[in-house]
C-alpha cells in the first residue's frame, strides 16, 4: 500500500498550475526559492506575456514582483530557509496600465504560489474617495476662513491665496467696478496676496465680461492661453501659461466677481471634474465676498446717516460756554432717543437756542424720530424768541407724521449780557433744568409744559433766570436720574443724588460738570443696563483781568 500512496502523491504534485488553478479568476504563478518559474495558469501566462515554465521570474515579471519574491523567500536579517522569517501578507505594483495585489502562499517544498489580483478599480475608487475627502475638508476650511471676516480686501486676499494653493499655480480675483478700472488681487502658489487696480478691457478675455455680469463663462478649456493679456498674469508667475479657467463668483443675487485660475505648461489642463470643484469653491468665496461688500455698503450708508444723527460737539458760542455729553442705552447703538443741539444766533447780540430732548423708546427707531425733531426745530429757529409757538408747530408736525412716539424737550434761549448770561427756559414735559450757583446752591428752574407728539393742544411755561460768571445751568434727560443700581442693585440714582453731585461742582467748567455727572451715573449702574443719557451744560465764563502788565504774569479770575 505504501508504494501506491507515494505514487498517488507524486502524481498529485506533478499536476500543473493550469490543471489546479486554471478556472481560478486570478493569475497564479508558482516560483521556486531560486526565482525560477515552476508553473503558471493560463491567466498568468496571458498577463505576463512571455512568461513560461523554467524562465527566471526577474525576466518574466515586473521588477516589483521579483523583489517581493526575494523578500518572501529570504527576508532581510534571516537565513535562507528560516521558517520563522515573517512574510509580508501582500505586495502591490503595476503590470502595464493596471494595478495588482500579489499574495504569496508558500508550500512545504520552498516554492511560493503567487496570486495576482487586479485591484485597479478598487484603487481608483479609493483614490477618488480620498480626493473627495480632501476637497470636502478644503471647502470646509475655506468656508471658515472666508466667513471669519466681513472685510472685502481680506476676502479677496484669502480667496486668491487658497485658490493658488489648492486649485492652480496662480489665482486672480477680480471684482466689478465702474468704468474700466478693475480692482484685482492675485497670489502665486499660496504666497502673499497682492492688491492692485488696472485699467483694462475685459472683453479681450473670453468669458471675463460675462462672468463679471454673473453669467456662466465660456468653458475654461476652450480659452487659448495665448489670448490672455499681460495684466492678467501675475509678475511672480514664472514660465508660460498652459491653461486658464474663468469662473464667476456668485453673490446674493448679484455678481460678486471673477476667479481666474492659471496653470503652467508643465501642469495638466483643467479637467471637467476640476472645473466643477472650482465652481464649488467659487460659490463659497462669492457668498463671503458678497456679504463683505454688502456689509461695507451698509456701513457707508450708516456712517452717512449717523453723521447727521449723532449729537454735535459743543464749544463756546457767542461768549457762552456749552458742553454736552451723550451715552446711548446700548454700546452697539451709536444713536438713540436722546438728543441735543445748539443753534447760534446770527449775531453775537442775538440769543442762541439750546435744545435737549428725549424721544419715547430707544435704538434706531427712536433715532429716526429724533432726526425729524432736530430738523424741524432747526427750521423753526427764526421763531426762537417764541418758545411756545415753536413747540405748537413741532407738536403739529409730529401728530401729522406716521410716527406714534412722543417726546419731551427743554428749550433754552441763551444771551450774553456784559459779564452775565440771561436764560429763557421752557420745558415740554421734560425734567426741570438745574442751576449751580457759585455758593454751591442748586436751584431747580420751575418751568413746566406738555410733552409733544401726543395731544392736539399743548401748554408750556417759560421762566427766565441769570447766570453769574462761573455758574452753570444743566439740562439732562431722565436716563440719568432713572439709572438703576447702587448697593441694592435696583435703586434709582434720583434727582436728590444728582443735585448733591452738582453741588460739589460749584465753580467748575461746564465740561467738568458733564463728565462728573456721567461718571457718577455710570458708577451707580448695577448691571450696566440703562436708558439713553444726555446732558448739556450752559456756563457763564469767569471774567479775568491781568494782575500785571508785563505780558508774562498769568491772569487772575474774578467772579
Protein backbone atom coordinates (compact mmCIF):
# COMPACT_ATOMS: atom_id res chain seq x y z
CA UNK A 1 0.00 0.00 0.00
CA UNK A 2 2.82 2.42 0.79
CA UNK A 3 4.28 2.48 -2.74
CA UNK A 4 0.78 3.11 -4.12
CA UNK A 5 0.19 6.13 -1.80
CA UNK A 6 3.56 7.59 -2.73
CA UNK A 7 2.72 7.19 -6.42
CA UNK A 8 -0.64 8.96 -5.99
CA UNK A 9 1.01 11.85 -4.05
CA UNK A 10 3.69 12.24 -6.70
CA UNK A 11 1.08 12.38 -9.44
CA UNK A 12 -0.86 15.00 -7.49
CA UNK A 13 2.23 17.16 -7.03
CA UNK A 14 3.02 16.86 -10.71
CA UNK A 15 -0.29 18.31 -11.76
CA UNK A 16 0.34 21.65 -13.47
CA UNK A 17 -0.92 25.02 -12.28
CA UNK A 18 -3.15 25.13 -15.31
CA UNK A 19 -4.85 21.94 -14.10
CA UNK A 20 -5.09 23.01 -10.47
CA UNK A 21 -5.87 26.73 -10.85
CA UNK A 22 -6.96 27.05 -14.43
CA UNK A 23 -10.55 28.02 -13.55
CA UNK A 24 -9.32 30.49 -10.91
CA UNK A 25 -10.37 34.13 -11.55
CA UNK A 26 -6.83 35.36 -10.75
CA UNK A 27 -3.47 34.85 -12.35
CA UNK A 28 -1.43 32.18 -10.48
CA UNK A 29 2.31 31.62 -10.85
CA UNK A 30 4.48 29.11 -8.93
CA UNK A 31 8.09 30.18 -8.29
CA UNK A 32 10.80 28.21 -6.52
CA UNK A 33 13.28 29.58 -3.99
CA UNK A 34 15.84 30.36 -6.72
CA UNK A 35 13.35 32.59 -8.53
CA UNK A 36 12.54 30.20 -11.39
CA UNK A 37 9.01 29.90 -12.68
CA UNK A 38 7.87 26.35 -11.94
CA UNK A 39 4.36 26.68 -13.27
CA UNK A 40 1.60 29.20 -14.11
CA UNK A 41 -2.04 29.11 -15.15
CA UNK A 42 -3.36 30.50 -18.45
CA UNK A 43 -4.44 33.78 -16.81
CA UNK A 44 -0.86 34.39 -15.60
CA UNK A 45 0.60 33.44 -18.98
CA UNK A 46 -1.71 35.95 -20.66
CA UNK A 47 -0.99 38.67 -18.11
CA UNK A 48 2.80 38.28 -18.12
CA UNK A 49 3.21 37.87 -21.85
CA UNK A 50 6.33 35.76 -22.48
CA UNK A 51 6.36 34.04 -19.09
CA UNK A 52 6.83 30.26 -19.28
CA UNK A 53 7.97 27.33 -17.14
CA UNK A 54 11.70 27.42 -16.46
CA UNK A 55 12.04 31.18 -17.04
CA UNK A 56 13.53 33.47 -14.42
CA UNK A 57 10.90 35.47 -12.57
CA UNK A 58 13.01 38.61 -12.97
CA UNK A 59 12.72 38.22 -16.75
CA UNK A 60 9.10 37.14 -16.90
CA UNK A 61 7.53 39.53 -14.37
CA UNK A 62 7.83 43.18 -13.32
CA UNK A 63 10.73 44.04 -11.05
CA UNK A 64 8.47 44.76 -8.07
CA UNK A 65 7.16 41.15 -8.15
CA UNK A 66 10.70 39.72 -8.38
CA UNK A 67 11.75 41.79 -5.35
CA UNK A 68 8.66 40.67 -3.48
CA UNK A 69 9.55 37.02 -4.15
CA UNK A 70 13.09 37.57 -2.91
CA UNK A 71 11.84 39.23 0.28
CA UNK A 72 9.35 36.41 0.79
CA UNK A 73 11.82 33.55 0.37
CA UNK A 74 14.76 35.24 2.12
CA UNK A 75 13.65 38.08 4.41
CA UNK A 76 16.29 40.62 5.41
CA UNK A 77 18.18 39.56 8.52
CA UNK A 78 17.00 35.94 8.33
CA UNK A 79 18.97 32.98 6.97
CA UNK A 80 17.54 31.24 3.95
CA UNK A 81 15.09 28.55 4.87
CA UNK A 82 14.29 30.00 8.28
CA UNK A 83 10.66 29.12 8.83
CA UNK A 84 10.29 31.86 11.45
CA UNK A 85 11.00 34.61 8.91
CA UNK A 86 7.97 36.96 8.75
CA UNK A 87 6.05 37.04 5.49
CA UNK A 88 4.50 40.19 4.11
CA UNK A 89 0.82 39.42 3.54
CA UNK A 90 0.50 41.43 0.35
CA UNK A 91 2.58 43.32 -2.24
CA UNK A 92 1.34 45.91 -4.69
CA UNK A 93 2.53 47.14 -8.05
CA UNK A 94 1.56 47.79 -11.64
CA UNK A 95 1.58 45.48 -14.64
CA UNK A 96 1.07 47.56 -17.72
CA UNK A 97 -1.68 50.09 -17.08
CA UNK A 98 -3.32 48.02 -14.33
CA UNK A 99 -2.69 47.82 -10.60
CA UNK A 100 -2.29 44.44 -8.88
CA UNK A 101 -2.02 42.90 -5.45
CA UNK A 102 0.35 39.92 -5.17
CA UNK A 103 -0.47 37.47 -2.39
CA UNK A 104 2.24 34.88 -1.57
CA UNK A 105 1.34 31.33 -0.43
CA UNK A 106 4.49 29.28 0.41
CA UNK A 107 4.22 25.47 0.19
CA UNK A 108 6.20 22.87 2.06
CA UNK A 109 8.86 22.43 -0.63
CA UNK A 110 10.06 26.09 -0.51
CA UNK A 111 8.07 27.13 -3.57
CA UNK A 112 5.82 30.16 -3.43
CA UNK A 113 2.45 30.31 -5.14
CA UNK A 114 1.70 33.90 -6.16
CA UNK A 115 -1.89 35.02 -6.62
CA UNK A 116 -2.14 38.21 -8.67
CA UNK A 117 -5.41 40.10 -8.06
CA UNK A 118 -6.35 43.08 -10.23
CA UNK A 119 -7.30 45.91 -7.81
CA UNK A 120 -7.28 48.76 -10.35
CA UNK A 121 -10.96 49.58 -10.00
CA UNK A 122 -10.84 49.42 -6.20
CA UNK A 123 -7.73 51.62 -6.11
CA UNK A 124 -9.41 54.15 -8.37
CA UNK A 125 -12.45 54.23 -6.10
CA UNK A 126 -10.22 54.66 -3.04
CA UNK A 127 -8.29 57.45 -4.72
CA UNK A 128 -11.50 59.20 -5.73
CA UNK A 129 -12.84 58.81 -2.21
CA UNK A 130 -9.61 60.24 -0.75
CA UNK A 131 -9.75 63.11 -3.23
CA UNK A 132 -13.35 63.88 -2.30
CA UNK A 133 -12.45 63.82 1.38
CA UNK A 134 -9.58 66.25 0.77
CA UNK A 135 -11.83 68.51 -1.25
CA UNK A 136 -14.55 68.41 1.39
CA UNK A 137 -12.01 69.29 4.09
CA UNK A 138 -10.66 72.10 1.90
CA UNK A 139 -14.12 73.54 1.25
CA UNK A 140 -14.91 73.41 4.97
CA UNK A 141 -11.65 75.18 5.79
CA UNK A 142 -12.23 77.72 3.04
CA UNK A 143 -15.73 78.48 4.34
CA UNK A 144 -14.46 79.01 7.88
CA UNK A 145 -11.63 81.28 6.78
CA UNK A 146 -13.71 83.26 4.29
CA UNK A 147 -16.60 83.84 6.68
CA UNK A 148 -14.27 84.89 9.51
CA UNK A 149 -14.13 88.43 8.19
CA UNK A 150 -16.50 90.96 6.68
CA UNK A 151 -13.65 92.93 5.17
CA UNK A 152 -13.75 92.97 1.36
CA UNK A 153 -9.99 93.19 0.87
CA UNK A 154 -9.37 90.31 3.26
CA UNK A 155 -11.93 88.13 1.46
CA UNK A 156 -10.21 88.83 -1.86
CA UNK A 157 -6.79 88.03 -0.34
CA UNK A 158 -7.98 84.76 1.23
CA UNK A 159 -9.75 83.68 -1.98
CA UNK A 160 -6.64 84.25 -4.09
CA UNK A 161 -4.32 82.54 -1.60
CA UNK A 162 -6.49 79.42 -1.14
CA UNK A 163 -7.14 79.07 -4.87
CA UNK A 164 -3.45 79.39 -5.78
CA UNK A 165 -2.55 76.83 -3.12
CA UNK A 166 -5.13 74.12 -3.86
CA UNK A 167 -6.63 74.71 -7.32
CA UNK A 168 -3.91 76.15 -9.57
CA UNK A 169 -0.44 77.63 -9.63
CA UNK A 170 -1.78 81.19 -9.69
CA UNK A 171 -5.15 82.79 -8.96
CA UNK A 172 -6.53 86.23 -9.76
CA UNK A 173 -9.67 87.66 -8.11
CA UNK A 174 -11.40 90.50 -9.96
CA UNK A 175 -14.43 92.38 -8.61
CA UNK A 176 -16.89 94.53 -10.60
CA UNK A 177 -16.10 98.22 -10.79
CA UNK A 178 -17.42 101.28 -12.55
CA UNK A 179 -15.66 102.23 -15.76
CA UNK A 180 -12.56 100.45 -17.00
CA UNK A 181 -10.71 100.30 -13.68
CA UNK A 182 -10.72 96.79 -12.24
CA UNK A 183 -9.78 96.10 -8.62
CA UNK A 184 -7.95 92.79 -8.53
CA UNK A 185 -5.97 90.62 -6.13
CA UNK A 186 -3.61 87.83 -7.16
CA UNK A 187 -1.49 85.17 -5.46
CA UNK A 188 1.01 82.60 -6.74
CA UNK A 189 1.36 79.12 -5.19
CA UNK A 190 -0.29 80.14 -1.92
CA UNK A 191 2.05 83.09 -1.38
CA UNK A 192 1.15 86.54 -0.13
CA UNK A 193 -1.74 88.14 -1.99
CA UNK A 194 -1.15 91.41 -3.85
CA UNK A 195 -3.87 94.02 -4.46
CA UNK A 196 -3.78 96.39 -7.41
CA UNK A 197 -6.05 98.28 -9.79
CA UNK A 198 -5.72 98.04 -13.57
CA UNK A 199 -7.31 99.85 -16.47
CA UNK A 200 -8.27 97.18 -18.98
CA UNK A 201 -10.87 95.98 -21.44
CA UNK A 202 -12.50 92.82 -20.06
CA UNK A 203 -13.85 91.91 -23.49
CA UNK A 204 -10.33 90.84 -24.50
CA UNK A 205 -10.51 87.83 -22.17
CA UNK A 206 -13.01 85.16 -23.26
CA UNK A 207 -15.73 84.75 -20.66
CA UNK A 208 -14.49 87.50 -18.33
CA UNK A 209 -17.12 90.13 -19.19
CA UNK A 210 -19.91 87.55 -18.89
CA UNK A 211 -18.59 86.31 -15.55
CA UNK A 212 -18.40 89.85 -14.13
CA UNK A 213 -22.06 90.24 -15.04
CA UNK A 214 -22.95 86.96 -13.35
CA UNK A 215 -23.36 84.83 -16.49
CA UNK A 216 -21.57 81.47 -16.86
CA UNK A 217 -18.35 81.97 -18.84
CA UNK A 218 -17.05 80.07 -21.83
CA UNK A 219 -15.69 76.72 -20.57
CA UNK A 220 -12.11 77.25 -19.44
CA UNK A 221 -10.62 74.50 -21.58
CA UNK A 222 -11.70 76.46 -24.67
CA UNK A 223 -9.67 79.52 -23.69
CA UNK A 224 -6.48 79.97 -25.63
CA UNK A 225 -3.78 80.96 -23.08
CA UNK A 226 -2.07 82.97 -25.82
CA UNK A 227 -5.02 85.39 -25.73
CA UNK A 228 -4.51 86.30 -22.08
CA UNK A 229 -3.35 89.93 -21.64
CA UNK A 230 -0.24 90.71 -19.62
CA UNK A 231 -2.19 92.49 -16.86
CA UNK A 232 -3.99 89.23 -16.03
CA UNK A 233 -0.77 87.25 -15.47
CA UNK A 234 0.97 87.92 -12.10
CA UNK A 235 4.56 89.08 -12.32
CA UNK A 236 5.60 86.29 -9.92
CA UNK A 237 4.20 83.62 -12.26
CA UNK A 238 7.20 82.03 -13.97
CA UNK A 239 7.04 80.16 -17.24
CA UNK A 240 4.23 80.11 -19.78
CA UNK A 241 0.53 79.77 -19.08
CA UNK A 242 -0.63 76.39 -20.32
CA UNK A 243 -4.30 76.55 -19.33
CA UNK A 244 -6.67 79.09 -17.80
CA UNK A 245 -10.03 78.90 -16.09
CA UNK A 246 -12.53 81.76 -15.70
CA UNK A 247 -15.15 81.13 -13.01
CA UNK A 248 -17.77 83.62 -11.75
CA UNK A 249 -18.07 84.32 -8.04
CA UNK A 250 -21.84 84.24 -7.45
CA UNK A 251 -23.12 86.53 -4.73
CA UNK A 252 -26.51 87.00 -3.12
CA UNK A 253 -28.40 87.55 -6.35
CA UNK A 254 -25.70 89.82 -7.78
CA UNK A 255 -22.26 89.07 -9.26
CA UNK A 256 -19.50 89.30 -6.66
CA UNK A 257 -16.57 88.99 -9.05
CA UNK A 258 -14.49 86.53 -11.04
CA UNK A 259 -11.88 83.91 -10.14
CA UNK A 260 -9.22 83.31 -12.80
CA UNK A 261 -7.05 80.20 -12.35
CA UNK A 262 -3.75 79.77 -14.21
CA UNK A 263 -1.56 76.70 -14.74
CA UNK A 264 1.80 76.38 -16.42
CA UNK A 265 2.61 74.27 -19.48
CA UNK A 266 4.13 71.56 -17.27
CA UNK A 267 0.80 71.00 -15.49
CA UNK A 268 -2.25 69.18 -16.78
CA UNK A 269 -5.18 71.09 -18.20
CA UNK A 270 -8.27 71.66 -16.11
CA UNK A 271 -10.50 68.61 -16.26
CA UNK A 272 -14.25 68.80 -16.15
CA UNK A 273 -14.19 67.45 -12.58
CA UNK A 274 -11.73 70.16 -11.54
CA UNK A 275 -13.89 72.85 -13.10
CA UNK A 276 -16.86 71.64 -11.07
CA UNK A 277 -14.76 71.70 -7.90
CA UNK A 278 -13.54 75.22 -8.73
CA UNK A 279 -17.17 76.34 -9.04
CA UNK A 280 -17.97 74.85 -5.61
CA UNK A 281 -15.12 76.86 -4.12
CA UNK A 282 -16.16 79.94 -6.09
CA UNK A 283 -19.70 79.67 -4.69
CA UNK A 284 -18.36 79.90 -1.14
CA UNK A 285 -15.91 82.65 -1.99
CA UNK A 286 -18.62 84.59 -3.83
CA UNK A 287 -21.03 84.34 -0.90
CA UNK A 288 -18.37 85.59 1.54
CA UNK A 289 -17.24 88.37 -0.79
CA UNK A 290 -20.82 89.44 -1.47
CA UNK A 291 -21.58 89.53 2.27
CA UNK A 292 -18.45 91.61 2.87
CA UNK A 293 -19.37 94.08 0.11
CA UNK A 294 -22.96 94.33 1.38
CA UNK A 295 -21.67 94.98 4.90
CA UNK A 296 -19.29 97.65 3.60
CA UNK A 297 -22.10 99.35 1.67
CA UNK A 298 -24.41 99.26 4.70
CA UNK A 299 -21.62 100.63 6.89
CA UNK A 300 -21.08 103.52 4.48
CA UNK A 301 -24.80 104.27 4.47
CA UNK A 302 -24.94 104.05 8.25
CA UNK A 303 -21.96 106.37 8.68
CA UNK A 304 -23.55 108.89 6.32
CA UNK A 305 -26.83 108.83 8.23
CA UNK A 306 -25.12 108.84 11.61
CA UNK A 307 -23.23 111.97 10.68
CA UNK A 308 -26.48 113.93 11.00
CA UNK A 309 -27.98 111.88 13.83
CA UNK A 310 -25.08 111.99 16.27
CA UNK A 311 -25.11 114.85 18.79
CA UNK A 312 -22.78 117.70 17.82
CA UNK A 313 -19.61 118.65 19.62
CA UNK A 314 -20.26 121.74 21.71
CA UNK A 315 -17.93 124.64 22.43
CA UNK A 316 -18.14 128.35 23.18
CA UNK A 317 -20.86 130.16 21.22
CA UNK A 318 -21.23 133.97 21.29
CA UNK A 319 -19.30 134.25 24.53
CA UNK A 320 -21.15 131.43 26.33
CA UNK A 321 -19.63 128.02 27.12
CA UNK A 322 -21.62 124.94 26.07
CA UNK A 323 -20.68 121.34 26.96
CA UNK A 324 -22.56 118.18 26.01
CA UNK A 325 -22.43 114.51 26.90
CA UNK A 326 -24.28 111.56 25.36
CA UNK A 327 -24.34 107.84 26.16
CA UNK A 328 -26.74 105.53 24.23
CA UNK A 329 -28.56 102.75 26.04
CA UNK A 330 -26.60 100.02 24.22
CA UNK A 331 -22.98 100.17 23.13
CA UNK A 332 -23.91 98.80 19.69
CA UNK A 333 -26.33 101.72 19.15
CA UNK A 334 -24.37 104.86 18.41
CA UNK A 335 -27.58 106.88 18.39
CA UNK A 336 -30.82 106.66 20.32
CA UNK A 337 -33.77 108.67 21.57
CA UNK A 338 -31.89 111.40 23.46
CA UNK A 339 -30.50 114.40 21.59
CA UNK A 340 -29.26 117.95 21.95
CA UNK A 341 -28.38 120.84 19.66
CA UNK A 342 -27.17 124.42 19.92
CA UNK A 343 -28.24 126.86 17.20
CA UNK A 344 -26.11 130.05 17.41
CA UNK A 345 -27.68 133.43 16.97
CA UNK A 346 -26.96 135.17 13.67
CA UNK A 347 -25.10 137.94 15.57
CA UNK A 348 -23.22 137.96 18.89
CA UNK A 349 -26.02 140.05 20.39
CA UNK A 350 -28.73 137.62 19.27
CA UNK A 351 -29.71 134.77 21.59
CA UNK A 352 -28.56 131.25 20.80
CA UNK A 353 -31.04 128.36 21.12
CA UNK A 354 -30.08 125.23 23.02
CA UNK A 355 -32.36 122.20 22.76
CA UNK A 356 -32.28 118.95 24.72
CA UNK A 357 -34.89 116.24 24.21
CA UNK A 358 -35.89 112.67 24.87
CA UNK A 359 -37.92 110.61 22.39
CA UNK A 360 -40.02 107.75 23.72
CA UNK A 361 -38.12 104.49 23.20
CA UNK A 362 -34.53 103.85 22.23
CA UNK A 363 -32.43 102.46 19.41
CA UNK A 364 -32.68 103.25 15.71
CA UNK A 365 -36.48 103.66 15.66
CA UNK A 366 -36.23 106.43 18.23
CA UNK A 367 -33.22 107.89 16.41
CA UNK A 368 -35.28 108.31 13.23
CA UNK A 369 -37.85 110.45 15.03
CA UNK A 370 -35.01 112.26 16.79
CA UNK A 371 -33.65 113.30 13.41
CA UNK A 372 -37.03 114.60 12.33
CA UNK A 373 -37.46 116.65 15.51
CA UNK A 374 -33.97 118.14 15.21
CA UNK A 375 -34.53 119.12 11.58
CA UNK A 376 -37.92 120.64 12.38
CA UNK A 377 -36.53 122.68 15.27
CA UNK A 378 -33.66 123.90 13.11
CA UNK A 379 -36.18 125.13 10.57
CA UNK A 380 -38.06 126.90 13.36
CA UNK A 381 -35.03 128.73 14.81
CA UNK A 382 -36.21 132.10 13.37
CA UNK A 383 -39.02 131.77 15.95
CA UNK A 384 -36.57 131.16 18.81
CA UNK A 385 -37.98 134.14 20.70
CA UNK A 386 -41.39 132.37 20.95
CA UNK A 387 -40.80 129.00 22.63
CA UNK A 388 -44.48 128.22 22.97
CA UNK A 389 -45.06 128.89 19.25
CA UNK A 390 -42.16 126.63 18.29
CA UNK A 391 -43.49 123.79 20.46
CA UNK A 392 -47.01 124.11 19.00
CA UNK A 393 -45.68 123.88 15.44
CA UNK A 394 -43.44 120.94 16.34
CA UNK A 395 -46.37 119.20 18.04
CA UNK A 396 -48.50 119.60 14.91
CA UNK A 397 -45.72 118.23 12.70
CA UNK A 398 -45.37 115.13 14.89
CA UNK A 399 -49.11 114.49 15.03
CA UNK A 400 -49.31 114.59 11.22
CA UNK A 401 -46.46 112.07 10.77
CA UNK A 402 -46.73 108.28 10.72
CA UNK A 403 -44.73 108.02 13.96
CA UNK A 404 -46.68 107.07 17.07
CA UNK A 405 -43.96 108.12 19.52
CA UNK A 406 -43.89 111.27 21.61
CA UNK A 407 -41.05 113.35 23.01
CA UNK A 408 -40.14 115.64 25.88
CA UNK A 409 -38.00 118.76 25.38
CA UNK A 410 -36.45 121.71 27.09
CA UNK A 411 -35.61 124.88 25.15
CA UNK A 412 -33.08 127.42 26.35
CA UNK A 413 -32.54 130.81 24.74
CA UNK A 414 -29.07 131.97 25.79
CA UNK A 415 -27.77 135.54 25.54
CA UNK A 416 -24.55 137.05 26.86
CA UNK A 417 -25.12 140.43 28.53
CA UNK A 418 -21.90 142.05 29.74
CA UNK A 419 -20.48 139.59 32.29
CA UNK A 420 -23.73 137.70 32.80
CA UNK A 421 -25.75 135.15 30.80
CA UNK A 422 -29.51 135.53 30.55
CA UNK A 423 -31.57 132.35 30.06
CA UNK A 424 -35.17 131.80 28.92
CA UNK A 425 -36.10 128.19 29.71
CA UNK A 426 -39.21 126.28 28.57
CA UNK A 427 -39.98 122.66 29.38
CA UNK A 428 -42.29 120.42 27.37
CA UNK A 429 -42.88 117.51 29.75
CA UNK A 430 -39.15 117.38 30.50
CA UNK A 431 -37.25 117.30 33.84
CA UNK A 432 -36.65 120.83 35.11
CA UNK A 433 -33.21 122.40 34.45
CA UNK A 434 -30.85 122.78 37.40
CA UNK A 435 -28.59 125.77 38.11
CA UNK A 436 -25.38 125.54 40.15
CA UNK A 437 -24.73 128.82 41.95
CA UNK A 438 -21.25 129.94 42.99
CA UNK A 439 -22.04 129.34 46.67
CA UNK A 440 -22.86 125.66 45.98
CA UNK A 441 -26.65 126.03 45.96
CA UNK A 442 -28.51 124.04 43.30
CA UNK A 443 -31.75 125.63 42.09
CA UNK A 444 -34.47 123.86 40.16
CA UNK A 445 -35.97 126.12 37.48
CA UNK A 446 -39.76 125.94 37.73
CA UNK A 447 -40.71 125.55 34.09
CA UNK A 448 -43.41 123.08 33.10
CA UNK A 449 -45.23 122.05 29.95
CA UNK A 450 -46.96 119.33 27.92
CA UNK A 451 -44.95 116.73 26.05
CA UNK A 452 -45.11 116.96 22.24
CA UNK A 453 -46.46 114.47 19.72
CA UNK A 454 -49.21 113.02 21.94
CA UNK A 455 -52.01 115.62 22.39
CA UNK A 456 -53.56 118.03 19.88
CA UNK A 457 -53.07 121.01 22.23
CA UNK A 458 -50.12 121.72 24.45
CA UNK A 459 -49.24 124.22 27.12
CA UNK A 460 -45.82 125.48 28.21
CA UNK A 461 -44.44 127.89 30.80
CA UNK A 462 -41.29 129.93 30.13
CA UNK A 463 -39.06 131.03 33.02
CA UNK A 464 -36.16 133.48 32.91
CA UNK A 465 -33.02 133.37 35.03
CA UNK A 466 -29.45 134.70 35.04
CA UNK A 467 -26.06 133.06 35.40
CA UNK A 468 -23.25 134.94 37.07
CA UNK A 469 -19.67 134.26 35.90
CA UNK A 470 -18.76 130.65 36.76
CA UNK A 471 -22.38 129.48 37.28
CA UNK A 472 -23.82 126.63 35.20
CA UNK A 473 -27.28 125.56 34.08
CA UNK A 474 -27.58 121.79 33.47
CA UNK A 475 -30.14 120.30 31.09
CA UNK A 476 -30.45 116.49 31.40
CA UNK A 477 -32.67 113.58 30.37
CA UNK A 478 -34.32 111.11 32.73
CA UNK A 479 -31.81 108.44 31.73
CA UNK A 480 -29.55 109.99 34.37
CA UNK A 481 -31.99 110.11 37.28
CA UNK A 482 -33.58 106.74 36.39
CA UNK A 483 -30.28 104.84 36.24
CA UNK A 484 -30.78 101.78 38.46
CA UNK A 485 -28.07 100.35 40.66
CA UNK A 486 -26.43 101.25 43.92
CA UNK A 487 -25.75 98.89 46.84
CA UNK A 488 -29.05 97.02 46.38
CA UNK A 489 -28.77 96.96 42.61
CA UNK A 490 -32.26 98.30 41.90
CA UNK A 491 -32.30 101.81 43.39
CA UNK A 492 -32.79 104.89 41.21
CA UNK A 493 -29.98 107.44 41.01
CA UNK A 494 -32.68 110.06 41.60
CA UNK A 495 -32.87 113.85 41.50
CA UNK A 496 -31.64 114.38 45.06
CA UNK A 497 -28.45 112.43 44.43
CA UNK A 498 -27.99 114.38 41.17
CA UNK A 499 -28.37 117.70 42.99
CA UNK A 500 -25.86 116.70 45.67
CA UNK A 501 -23.39 115.72 43.00
CA UNK A 502 -23.88 119.06 41.24
CA UNK A 503 -23.36 121.00 44.47
CA UNK A 504 -19.85 119.55 44.55
CA UNK A 505 -19.22 121.01 41.10
CA UNK A 506 -19.64 124.68 42.02
CA UNK A 507 -17.23 126.85 40.05
CA UNK A 508 -16.21 124.02 37.71
CA UNK A 509 -16.24 124.44 33.92
CA UNK A 510 -19.27 123.02 32.12
CA UNK A 511 -17.22 120.19 30.63
CA UNK A 512 -16.15 119.06 34.10
CA UNK A 513 -19.75 119.18 35.36
CA UNK A 514 -20.92 116.93 32.49
CA UNK A 515 -18.06 114.46 32.99
CA UNK A 516 -18.66 114.35 36.76
CA UNK A 517 -22.37 113.55 36.40
CA UNK A 518 -21.72 110.95 33.69
CA UNK A 519 -19.10 109.25 35.86
CA UNK A 520 -21.32 109.08 38.94
CA UNK A 521 -24.31 107.78 36.95
CA UNK A 522 -22.17 105.09 35.28
CA UNK A 523 -20.71 104.02 38.63
CA UNK A 524 -24.21 103.80 40.08
CA UNK A 525 -25.39 101.33 37.46
CA UNK A 526 -25.58 97.74 38.73
CA UNK A 527 -25.65 95.51 35.65
CA UNK A 528 -24.73 98.10 33.03
CA UNK A 529 -28.26 98.40 31.59
CA UNK A 530 -29.65 101.90 31.34
CA UNK A 531 -31.68 104.26 29.21
CA UNK A 532 -30.13 106.83 26.90
CA UNK A 533 -28.40 109.65 28.80
CA UNK A 534 -27.84 113.18 27.52
CA UNK A 535 -26.62 116.34 29.26
CA UNK A 536 -25.98 119.92 28.22
CA UNK A 537 -24.17 122.39 30.49
CA UNK A 538 -24.52 126.14 29.84
CA UNK A 539 -21.86 128.12 31.70
CA UNK A 540 -21.24 131.83 32.10
CA UNK A 541 -17.46 132.17 31.57
CA UNK A 542 -15.48 133.58 34.52
CA UNK A 543 -14.20 137.09 33.91
CA UNK A 544 -10.43 137.62 34.06
CA UNK A 545 -8.00 140.52 34.17
CA UNK A 546 -4.22 140.70 34.35
CA UNK A 547 -2.67 141.40 37.71
CA UNK A 548 0.40 142.82 35.92
CA UNK A 549 1.02 144.29 32.52
CA UNK A 550 4.43 142.86 31.77
CA UNK A 551 2.92 140.24 29.42
CA UNK A 552 4.21 137.29 31.49
CA UNK A 553 2.10 137.16 34.65
CA UNK A 554 -0.95 134.85 34.48
CA UNK A 555 -4.39 136.37 34.66
CA UNK A 556 -6.44 136.17 37.87
CA UNK A 557 -10.05 135.01 37.85
CA UNK A 558 -12.66 137.26 39.40
CA UNK A 559 -16.30 136.46 39.91
